[in-house]
């Protein structure tokens, strides 16, 4: 609770949920009736919470804590800035569509032209700490200059760290509690090249101790996208057995429901290779060598699709609804009522 004012990602997470839902369903009636009001209020918070750098003129957020809760009171956290920019732009896009499609709804929001211009300027000038040469996003200003720590050398008896280490010992190095840069690269995977993902995965993954139940499944998903199936399987085991094996020595405090939810994401977005943030639905399944098969179902618009994966093939079956067109391993396919594909 004492860090709540530092963590803006709860609000941008709501905005991402709205964008993702509308992106998948096209439900603009929900967006205009309910979502737009949330987006406006979140954008007002984002516009009031940040500041401009007096030297560079760039906009961003100071004294924040990103998803990685081992870095507190930092400036220009990459995740916070990236998601803030996305939220402001999605709000502006929604208001622009409402100008034509729902002018009465737009009028109820009481957003002035000056306010929209302010959001546009701040989105355009948002600082994203990226190095074109290394392909790395710096987690926050100064992160690369922090001392390195061999996280594998930490005794297991020291976990959970919050119970055994002081704040200043936790925060004074590059150790990560959970993915931060890698988190927004997972959410908007279609916007980054495989080279960018590999560079950031190779840099941040060794520095992460996964003391958050949100962490292993995200690393597994990204390992799948990089074709590192054995590593992905190891992280999947970590995510699914976190409580059974008491990996973080804190199961006595309750069940990690987020890790259980992450296990579903791990199958569908990871091994199933689902990409849903681009122009259309895409699948690129892989399967660990020790598995025989796995499957899952997807609701695509008004259709229900079954996906089955084995070492021999990938089967797509339309269980109900109209035909579904998607991309499988980069090739367009249509799954229809005539049978499985």
Protein backbone atom coordinates (compact mmCIF):
# COMPACT_ATOMS: atom_id res chain seq x y z
CA UNK A 1 0.00 0.00 0.00
CA UNK A 2 2.84 2.37 0.79
CA UNK A 3 4.03 2.17 -2.82
CA UNK A 4 0.63 2.68 -4.47
CA UNK A 5 1.27 6.26 -5.57
CA UNK A 6 4.44 5.11 -7.33
CA UNK A 7 2.86 2.32 -9.39
CA UNK A 8 0.97 3.74 -12.35
CA UNK A 9 0.74 0.37 -14.12
CA UNK A 10 -2.51 -0.54 -12.37
CA UNK A 11 -4.22 2.25 -14.32
CA UNK A 12 -2.46 1.62 -17.64
CA UNK A 13 -3.27 -2.07 -17.14
CA UNK A 14 -6.98 -1.20 -17.12
CA UNK A 15 -6.46 0.82 -20.32
CA UNK A 16 -4.63 -2.12 -21.93
CA UNK A 17 -7.49 -4.43 -20.93
CA UNK A 18 -9.95 -2.10 -22.66
CA UNK A 19 -7.77 -1.88 -25.78
CA UNK A 20 -7.23 -5.63 -25.90
CA UNK A 21 -10.94 -6.40 -25.47
CA UNK A 22 -12.05 -3.98 -28.17
CA UNK A 23 -9.18 -5.05 -30.45
CA UNK A 24 -10.39 -8.65 -30.25
CA UNK A 25 -14.16 -8.11 -30.33
CA UNK A 26 -14.76 -4.80 -32.09
CA UNK A 27 -17.25 -3.95 -29.33
CA UNK A 28 -17.29 -0.19 -29.79
CA UNK A 29 -20.64 0.13 -28.02
CA UNK A 30 -18.97 -0.98 -24.79
CA UNK A 31 -15.98 1.24 -25.46
CA UNK A 32 -18.06 4.36 -26.05
CA UNK A 33 -20.57 3.71 -23.24
CA UNK A 34 -18.16 2.60 -20.50
CA UNK A 35 -14.56 2.36 -21.61
CA UNK A 36 -14.12 5.92 -22.87
CA UNK A 37 -14.92 7.42 -19.46
CA UNK A 38 -12.26 5.21 -17.84
CA UNK A 39 -9.73 6.13 -20.52
CA UNK A 40 -10.35 9.85 -20.06
CA UNK A 41 -9.86 9.68 -16.30
CA UNK A 42 -6.71 7.53 -16.65
CA UNK A 43 -5.32 9.94 -19.24
CA UNK A 44 -5.99 12.90 -16.97
CA UNK A 45 -4.01 11.16 -14.24
CA UNK A 46 -1.16 10.40 -16.65
CA UNK A 47 -1.10 13.99 -17.90
CA UNK A 48 -0.95 15.36 -14.36
CA UNK A 49 1.53 12.84 -12.89
CA UNK A 50 4.40 13.30 -15.38
CA UNK A 51 6.75 16.17 -16.19
CA UNK A 52 8.97 17.45 -18.99
CA UNK A 53 12.75 17.13 -18.78
CA UNK A 54 14.03 20.75 -18.76
CA UNK A 55 17.09 19.76 -20.83
CA UNK A 56 15.71 17.42 -23.49
CA UNK A 57 12.07 18.49 -23.50
CA UNK A 58 10.98 14.86 -23.26
CA UNK A 59 7.96 13.86 -21.16
CA UNK A 60 7.91 11.03 -18.62
CA UNK A 61 7.35 9.91 -15.06
CA UNK A 62 9.58 10.59 -12.07
CA UNK A 63 9.74 8.78 -8.74
CA UNK A 64 7.83 5.70 -9.86
CA UNK A 65 8.00 1.95 -9.36
CA UNK A 66 7.44 -0.16 -12.45
CA UNK A 67 6.30 -3.81 -12.50
CA UNK A 68 9.74 -4.77 -11.12
CA UNK A 69 9.19 -3.92 -7.47
CA UNK A 70 12.89 -4.10 -6.64
CA UNK A 71 13.48 -0.66 -8.21
CA UNK A 72 11.71 2.09 -6.28
CA UNK A 73 11.52 5.86 -6.79
CA UNK A 74 13.14 5.66 -10.23
CA UNK A 75 12.86 8.07 -13.16
CA UNK A 76 11.61 7.21 -16.65
CA UNK A 77 10.75 3.57 -16.02
CA UNK A 78 10.50 2.13 -19.53
CA UNK A 79 7.30 0.17 -18.86
CA UNK A 80 5.56 3.12 -17.21
CA UNK A 81 6.49 5.49 -20.03
CA UNK A 82 5.69 3.01 -22.81
CA UNK A 83 2.27 2.10 -21.40
CA UNK A 84 1.54 5.74 -20.60
CA UNK A 85 2.18 6.65 -24.22
CA UNK A 86 -0.01 3.78 -25.45
CA UNK A 87 -2.83 4.81 -23.12
CA UNK A 88 -2.81 8.46 -24.17
CA UNK A 89 -2.80 7.51 -27.87
CA UNK A 90 -5.62 4.98 -27.44
CA UNK A 91 -7.71 7.57 -25.59
CA UNK A 92 -7.17 10.11 -28.36
CA UNK A 93 -8.00 7.52 -31.03
CA UNK A 94 -11.21 6.60 -29.18
CA UNK A 95 -12.28 10.24 -28.87
CA UNK A 96 -11.57 10.82 -32.57
CA UNK A 97 -13.84 7.91 -33.53
CA UNK A 98 -16.54 9.13 -31.16
CA UNK A 99 -16.51 12.51 -32.92
CA UNK A 100 -18.03 10.77 -35.95
CA UNK A 101 -19.79 7.78 -34.42
CA UNK A 102 -21.05 8.92 -31.01
CA UNK A 103 -20.98 12.74 -30.69
CA UNK A 104 -23.48 12.69 -27.81
CA UNK A 105 -21.31 10.28 -25.86
CA UNK A 106 -18.29 12.42 -26.56
CA UNK A 107 -20.05 15.53 -25.26
CA UNK A 108 -20.77 13.77 -21.95
CA UNK A 109 -17.04 13.28 -21.37
CA UNK A 110 -16.34 17.05 -21.32
CA UNK A 111 -12.88 16.81 -22.89
CA UNK A 112 -11.76 20.12 -24.33
CA UNK A 113 -9.68 20.53 -27.51
CA UNK A 114 -6.91 22.00 -25.34
CA UNK A 115 -6.86 18.91 -23.15
CA UNK A 116 -6.65 16.60 -26.16
CA UNK A 117 -3.81 18.69 -27.59
CA UNK A 118 -1.98 18.40 -24.26
CA UNK A 119 -2.31 14.61 -24.28
CA UNK A 120 -1.09 14.45 -27.87
CA UNK A 121 2.00 16.53 -27.06
CA UNK A 122 2.86 14.41 -24.04
CA UNK A 123 2.41 11.17 -25.97
CA UNK A 124 4.55 12.47 -28.84
CA UNK A 125 7.33 13.59 -26.47
CA UNK A 126 7.26 10.52 -24.21
CA UNK A 127 10.81 9.40 -23.41
CA UNK A 128 11.53 5.75 -24.24
CA UNK A 129 15.06 4.75 -23.15
CA UNK A 130 16.13 2.64 -26.16
CA UNK A 131 19.58 2.08 -27.67
CA UNK A 132 19.44 1.31 -31.39
CA UNK A 133 22.95 -0.17 -31.33
CA UNK A 134 22.40 -2.71 -28.55
CA UNK A 135 18.63 -3.09 -29.14
CA UNK A 136 18.17 -2.70 -25.38
CA UNK A 137 15.52 -0.75 -23.51
CA UNK A 138 16.99 0.60 -20.27
CA UNK A 139 14.59 -0.38 -17.51
CA UNK A 140 14.85 3.09 -16.06
CA UNK A 141 17.21 6.04 -16.16
CA UNK A 142 20.52 4.90 -14.66
CA UNK A 143 19.70 1.18 -14.49
CA UNK A 144 22.69 0.21 -16.63
CA UNK A 145 24.99 1.98 -14.15
CA UNK A 146 23.79 0.01 -11.12
CA UNK A 147 26.11 -2.68 -9.69
CA UNK A 148 25.53 -6.21 -10.95
CA UNK A 149 24.63 -9.02 -8.56
CA UNK A 150 24.97 -12.78 -9.08
CA UNK A 151 21.42 -13.76 -8.20
CA UNK A 152 22.27 -17.48 -8.44
CA UNK A 153 24.57 -17.08 -5.43
CA UNK A 154 21.78 -15.95 -3.08
CA UNK A 155 21.19 -18.71 -0.45
CA UNK A 156 17.74 -20.29 -0.67
CA UNK A 157 17.29 -19.58 3.03
CA UNK A 158 17.27 -15.85 2.25
CA UNK A 159 13.94 -16.13 0.41
CA UNK A 160 11.58 -14.39 0.44
CA UNK A 161 13.99 -11.48 0.31
CA UNK A 162 11.54 -8.96 1.74
CA UNK A 163 11.59 -10.99 4.95
CA UNK A 164 15.39 -11.21 5.18
CA UNK A 165 16.95 -8.23 3.37
CA UNK A 166 16.58 -4.51 4.01
CA UNK A 167 15.13 -2.24 1.34
CA UNK A 168 18.45 -0.59 0.59
CA UNK A 169 20.11 -3.99 0.05
CA UNK A 170 17.38 -5.06 -2.37
CA UNK A 171 17.21 -1.80 -4.33
CA UNK A 172 20.88 -0.92 -4.83
CA UNK A 173 21.67 -3.29 -7.73
CA UNK A 174 20.32 -4.67 -11.00
CA UNK A 175 18.42 -7.58 -9.43
CA UNK A 176 14.83 -7.85 -10.72
CA UNK A 177 11.86 -9.26 -8.87
CA UNK A 178 9.84 -9.81 -12.06
CA UNK A 179 9.78 -8.78 -15.74
CA UNK A 180 9.53 -5.08 -16.51
CA UNK A 181 10.91 -4.32 -19.98
CA UNK A 182 10.06 -7.91 -20.96
CA UNK A 183 6.49 -7.36 -19.77
CA UNK A 184 5.58 -4.66 -22.30
CA UNK A 185 7.44 -6.62 -24.98
CA UNK A 186 5.10 -9.53 -24.24
CA UNK A 187 1.94 -7.41 -24.25
CA UNK A 188 2.81 -5.73 -27.58
CA UNK A 189 4.87 -8.54 -29.10
CA UNK A 190 4.01 -7.74 -32.70
CA UNK A 191 5.72 -4.35 -32.40
CA UNK A 192 9.18 -5.77 -31.68
CA UNK A 193 11.55 -7.78 -33.83
CA UNK A 194 12.92 -11.14 -32.76
CA UNK A 195 16.34 -9.50 -32.56
CA UNK A 196 15.04 -6.88 -30.11
CA UNK A 197 13.30 -9.52 -28.01
CA UNK A 198 16.40 -11.73 -27.91
CA UNK A 199 18.67 -8.85 -26.87
CA UNK A 200 16.42 -7.79 -24.00
CA UNK A 201 15.63 -11.36 -22.90
CA UNK A 202 19.33 -12.24 -22.77
CA UNK A 203 20.07 -9.12 -20.73
CA UNK A 204 17.22 -9.11 -18.21
CA UNK A 205 16.44 -12.80 -17.74
CA UNK A 206 19.68 -13.64 -15.85
CA UNK A 207 19.05 -10.71 -13.49
CA UNK A 208 15.57 -11.85 -12.44
CA UNK A 209 14.93 -13.92 -9.29
CA UNK A 210 11.18 -14.50 -9.98
CA UNK A 211 10.07 -13.62 -6.47
CA UNK A 212 6.73 -12.69 -8.04
CA UNK A 213 4.30 -15.36 -9.17
CA UNK A 214 3.70 -13.25 -12.30
CA UNK A 215 7.24 -13.82 -13.51
CA UNK A 216 7.91 -17.44 -14.63
CA UNK A 217 5.00 -17.72 -17.08
CA UNK A 218 5.96 -14.46 -18.85
CA UNK A 219 9.55 -15.67 -19.24
CA UNK A 220 8.26 -18.99 -20.57
CA UNK A 221 6.05 -17.27 -23.15
CA UNK A 222 8.94 -15.17 -24.41
CA UNK A 223 11.29 -18.17 -24.48
CA UNK A 224 8.75 -19.90 -26.74
CA UNK A 225 8.72 -16.88 -29.07
CA UNK A 226 12.50 -17.16 -29.29
CA UNK A 227 12.38 -20.88 -30.06
CA UNK A 228 13.97 -21.83 -26.73
CA UNK A 229 11.49 -24.59 -25.94
CA UNK A 230 13.55 -26.36 -23.26
CA UNK A 231 13.95 -23.14 -21.25
CA UNK A 232 10.25 -22.42 -21.77
CA UNK A 233 9.37 -25.84 -20.35
CA UNK A 234 11.54 -25.22 -17.28
CA UNK A 235 9.77 -21.92 -16.61
CA UNK A 236 6.39 -23.57 -17.17
CA UNK A 237 7.24 -26.09 -14.46
CA UNK A 238 8.24 -23.20 -12.19
CA UNK A 239 4.94 -21.40 -12.81
CA UNK A 240 2.68 -24.43 -12.37
CA UNK A 241 4.47 -25.90 -9.32
CA UNK A 242 5.17 -22.64 -7.49
CA UNK A 243 2.85 -23.52 -4.62
CA UNK A 244 3.20 -27.31 -4.74
CA UNK A 245 6.97 -27.07 -4.33
CA UNK A 246 6.91 -23.81 -2.33
CA UNK A 247 9.60 -22.34 -4.58
CA UNK A 248 9.52 -18.92 -2.94
CA UNK A 249 9.06 -20.26 0.60
CA UNK A 250 5.85 -18.29 1.13
CA UNK A 251 3.01 -20.67 0.22
CA UNK A 252 1.93 -20.57 3.87
CA UNK A 253 0.65 -17.07 3.13
CA UNK A 254 -1.79 -18.23 0.44
CA UNK A 255 -2.11 -19.66 -3.05
CA UNK A 256 -0.58 -17.73 -5.99
CA UNK A 257 -3.68 -17.43 -8.16
CA UNK A 258 -1.86 -15.18 -10.63
CA UNK A 259 0.60 -17.97 -11.33
CA UNK A 260 -2.31 -20.32 -12.01
CA UNK A 261 -3.78 -17.80 -14.48
CA UNK A 262 -0.32 -17.39 -15.95
CA UNK A 263 -0.17 -21.14 -16.60
CA UNK A 264 -3.15 -20.81 -18.97
CA UNK A 265 -1.45 -17.90 -20.73
CA UNK A 266 1.70 -20.02 -20.83
CA UNK A 267 -0.04 -22.75 -22.84
CA UNK A 268 -1.97 -20.46 -25.18
CA UNK A 269 0.38 -17.50 -25.73
CA UNK A 270 3.55 -19.48 -25.13
CA UNK A 271 3.56 -23.03 -26.47
CA UNK A 272 0.45 -22.31 -28.55
CA UNK A 273 2.20 -19.33 -30.09
CA UNK A 274 -0.89 -17.11 -30.01
CA UNK A 275 -0.36 -13.51 -31.10
CA UNK A 276 -3.43 -11.32 -30.80
CA UNK A 277 -2.09 -7.77 -30.60
CA UNK A 278 -1.39 -7.36 -34.33
CA UNK A 279 -3.68 -6.96 -37.33
CA UNK A 280 -5.14 -10.46 -36.97
CA UNK A 281 -5.01 -13.67 -35.00
CA UNK A 282 -1.80 -15.69 -35.45
CA UNK A 283 -0.62 -19.07 -34.17
CA UNK A 284 2.85 -20.63 -34.19
CA UNK A 285 2.69 -23.64 -31.83
CA UNK A 286 5.68 -25.53 -30.46
CA UNK A 287 5.81 -28.57 -28.19
CA UNK A 288 8.42 -29.72 -25.67
CA UNK A 289 10.14 -33.00 -26.52
CA UNK A 290 8.74 -34.80 -23.48
CA UNK A 291 5.11 -33.93 -24.18
CA UNK A 292 2.81 -36.03 -26.35
CA UNK A 293 0.13 -33.47 -27.09
CA UNK A 294 -1.77 -30.51 -25.70
CA UNK A 295 -4.83 -28.51 -26.73
CA UNK A 296 -6.96 -25.51 -25.90
CA UNK A 297 -10.02 -23.65 -27.13
CA UNK A 298 -10.30 -20.08 -28.34
CA UNK A 299 -13.37 -17.88 -28.66
CA UNK A 300 -12.83 -15.89 -31.85
CA UNK A 301 -15.69 -13.43 -32.32
CA UNK A 302 -18.81 -15.59 -32.47
CA UNK A 303 -16.82 -18.72 -33.26
CA UNK A 304 -15.32 -21.40 -31.03
CA UNK A 305 -12.06 -22.91 -32.22
CA UNK A 306 -10.26 -25.97 -30.90
CA UNK A 307 -6.47 -26.13 -31.27
CA UNK A 308 -4.65 -29.45 -30.89
CA UNK A 309 -0.86 -29.75 -31.05
CA UNK A 310 1.31 -32.88 -31.26
CA UNK A 311 4.76 -33.63 -32.64
CA UNK A 312 3.13 -34.76 -35.88
CA UNK A 313 0.77 -31.88 -36.64
CA UNK A 314 -1.35 -28.93 -35.56
CA UNK A 315 -5.11 -29.47 -35.82
CA UNK A 316 -7.60 -26.60 -35.99
CA UNK A 317 -11.29 -27.46 -35.63
CA UNK A 318 -14.27 -25.11 -35.79
CA UNK A 319 -16.69 -26.20 -33.06
CA UNK A 320 -19.30 -23.51 -33.66
CA UNK A 321 -19.90 -20.22 -35.44
CA UNK A 322 -18.76 -18.81 -38.80
CA UNK A 323 -15.48 -19.61 -40.54
CA UNK A 324 -12.31 -18.30 -38.90
CA UNK A 325 -9.35 -16.95 -40.85
CA UNK A 326 -6.01 -16.71 -39.07
CA UNK A 327 -2.29 -17.03 -39.70
CA UNK A 328 -0.57 -20.33 -38.96
CA UNK A 329 3.24 -20.18 -39.04
CA UNK A 330 2.96 -17.05 -41.15
CA UNK A 331 0.57 -18.60 -43.68
CA UNK A 332 -3.13 -17.58 -43.93
CA UNK A 333 -5.57 -20.44 -43.27
CA UNK A 334 -9.34 -20.58 -43.01
CA UNK A 335 -11.02 -23.01 -40.61
CA UNK A 336 -14.57 -23.76 -41.69
CA UNK A 337 -17.51 -26.05 -41.06
CA UNK A 338 -16.39 -28.56 -43.68
CA UNK A 339 -13.95 -30.07 -41.24
CA UNK A 340 -10.74 -29.60 -39.36
CA UNK A 341 -7.72 -27.92 -40.91
